[in-house]
Protein backbone atom coordinates (compact mmCIF):
# COMPACT_ATOMS: atom_id res chain seq x y z
CA MET A 1 0.02 0.04 -0.06
CA ARG A 2 1.27 3.53 -1.11
CA TYR A 3 0.44 6.13 1.35
CA TRP A 4 0.30 9.88 0.31
CA ALA A 5 -0.13 13.20 1.81
CA ALA A 6 -2.63 12.91 5.25
CA ALA A 7 -2.37 9.23 5.01
CA LYS A 8 1.36 8.60 4.87
CA ALA A 9 1.42 11.42 7.78
CA ALA A 10 -0.76 9.18 9.68
CA ALA A 11 0.49 6.09 8.58
CA GLY A 12 4.08 7.35 9.67
CA THR A 13 5.25 5.30 6.63
CA ALA A 14 4.87 6.14 2.61
CA GLU A 15 4.23 2.27 2.10
CA GLU A 16 3.80 -0.80 3.58
CA PRO A 17 2.90 -4.34 2.38
CA TYR A 18 -0.32 -5.93 2.39
CA THR A 19 -1.23 -9.78 2.48
CA ALA A 20 -5.13 -9.62 1.50
CA ALA A 21 -7.69 -10.96 -1.14
CA THR A 22 -9.86 -7.81 -1.11
CA LEU A 23 -9.61 -4.19 -0.87
CA ALA A 24 -12.19 -4.47 2.37
CA GLU A 25 -9.24 -7.02 3.46
CA ALA A 26 -5.73 -4.88 3.45
CA LEU A 27 -7.89 -1.64 4.64
CA ASP A 28 -8.84 -3.10 7.55
CA ALA A 29 -5.48 -4.96 8.63
CA ALA A 30 -3.42 -1.17 8.10
CA ARG A 31 -6.73 -0.16 10.67
CA THR A 32 -5.48 -2.62 12.94
CA ALA A 33 -2.06 -2.38 12.55
CA HIS A 34 -2.22 1.68 13.48
CA ALA A 35 -4.60 1.41 15.49
CA ALA A 36 -2.67 3.26 18.47
CA ASN A 37 -2.81 6.17 15.87
CA PRO A 38 -7.16 7.21 15.45
CA GLU A 39 -6.66 9.71 13.32
CA PHE A 40 -5.37 7.10 10.37
CA ALA A 41 -8.76 5.25 10.73
CA ARG A 42 -10.11 9.00 10.16
CA VAL A 43 -7.82 10.01 7.21
CA LEU A 44 -8.91 6.75 5.03
CA LEU A 45 -12.68 7.62 5.43
CA ARG A 46 -12.10 10.09 3.03
CA CYS A 47 -9.43 8.65 0.56
CA SER A 48 -9.61 7.62 -2.89
CA PHE A 49 -8.50 4.50 -3.64
CA LEU A 50 -6.55 2.80 -6.70
CA VAL A 51 -5.70 -0.79 -7.05
CA ASP A 52 -2.77 -1.54 -9.77
CA GLY A 53 -3.73 1.78 -11.29
CA ASP A 54 -7.70 2.12 -11.76
CA PRO A 55 -9.68 3.81 -9.46
CA VAL A 56 -12.16 2.03 -7.44
CA GLY A 57 -14.48 4.64 -7.08
CA THR A 58 -17.87 4.13 -5.17
CA ARG A 59 -17.65 -0.08 -5.57
CA ASP A 60 -18.05 -1.92 -2.52
CA HIS A 61 -13.80 -2.68 -1.06
CA GLY A 62 -15.05 -6.23 -0.50
CA THR A 63 -15.55 -6.96 -3.73
CA VAL A 64 -12.23 -4.86 -4.79
CA PRO A 65 -9.98 -8.39 -5.42
CA LEU A 66 -6.14 -7.69 -5.17
CA ALA A 67 -3.40 -9.24 -6.93
CA GLU A 68 -0.60 -10.62 -5.11
CA GLY A 69 2.62 -8.15 -6.15
CA GLY A 70 -0.14 -5.56 -6.57
CA THR A 71 -0.16 -1.88 -5.71
CA VAL A 72 -3.52 -0.34 -3.70
CA GLU A 73 -2.48 3.32 -3.50
CA VAL A 74 -4.15 5.48 -1.07
CA LEU A 75 -5.30 8.73 -1.87
CA PRO A 76 -6.80 11.43 0.80
CA PRO A 77 -8.57 14.32 -0.91
CA PHE A 78 -5.80 17.69 -1.39
CA ALA A 79 -6.49 21.09 -3.03
CA GLY A 80 -6.20 22.25 -6.69
CA GLY A 81 -6.27 18.62 -8.40
């Protein structure tokens, strides 16, 4: 998972590996891993996601499959873009 802007700040890292079959599983694991920082979960609520370069949009995260070795981009809203 690659974190950008406020998500990166809340996670305390720019990226970290995931082991999950769906985006929902990966996000649940990330929330658990960063449970000591409640701001992380709040930031995730406002984020949009790209999975291997494709926007997730409004799809249910439980229906978004993740490939082994794939990339999840975690993008919080930002001004000017």
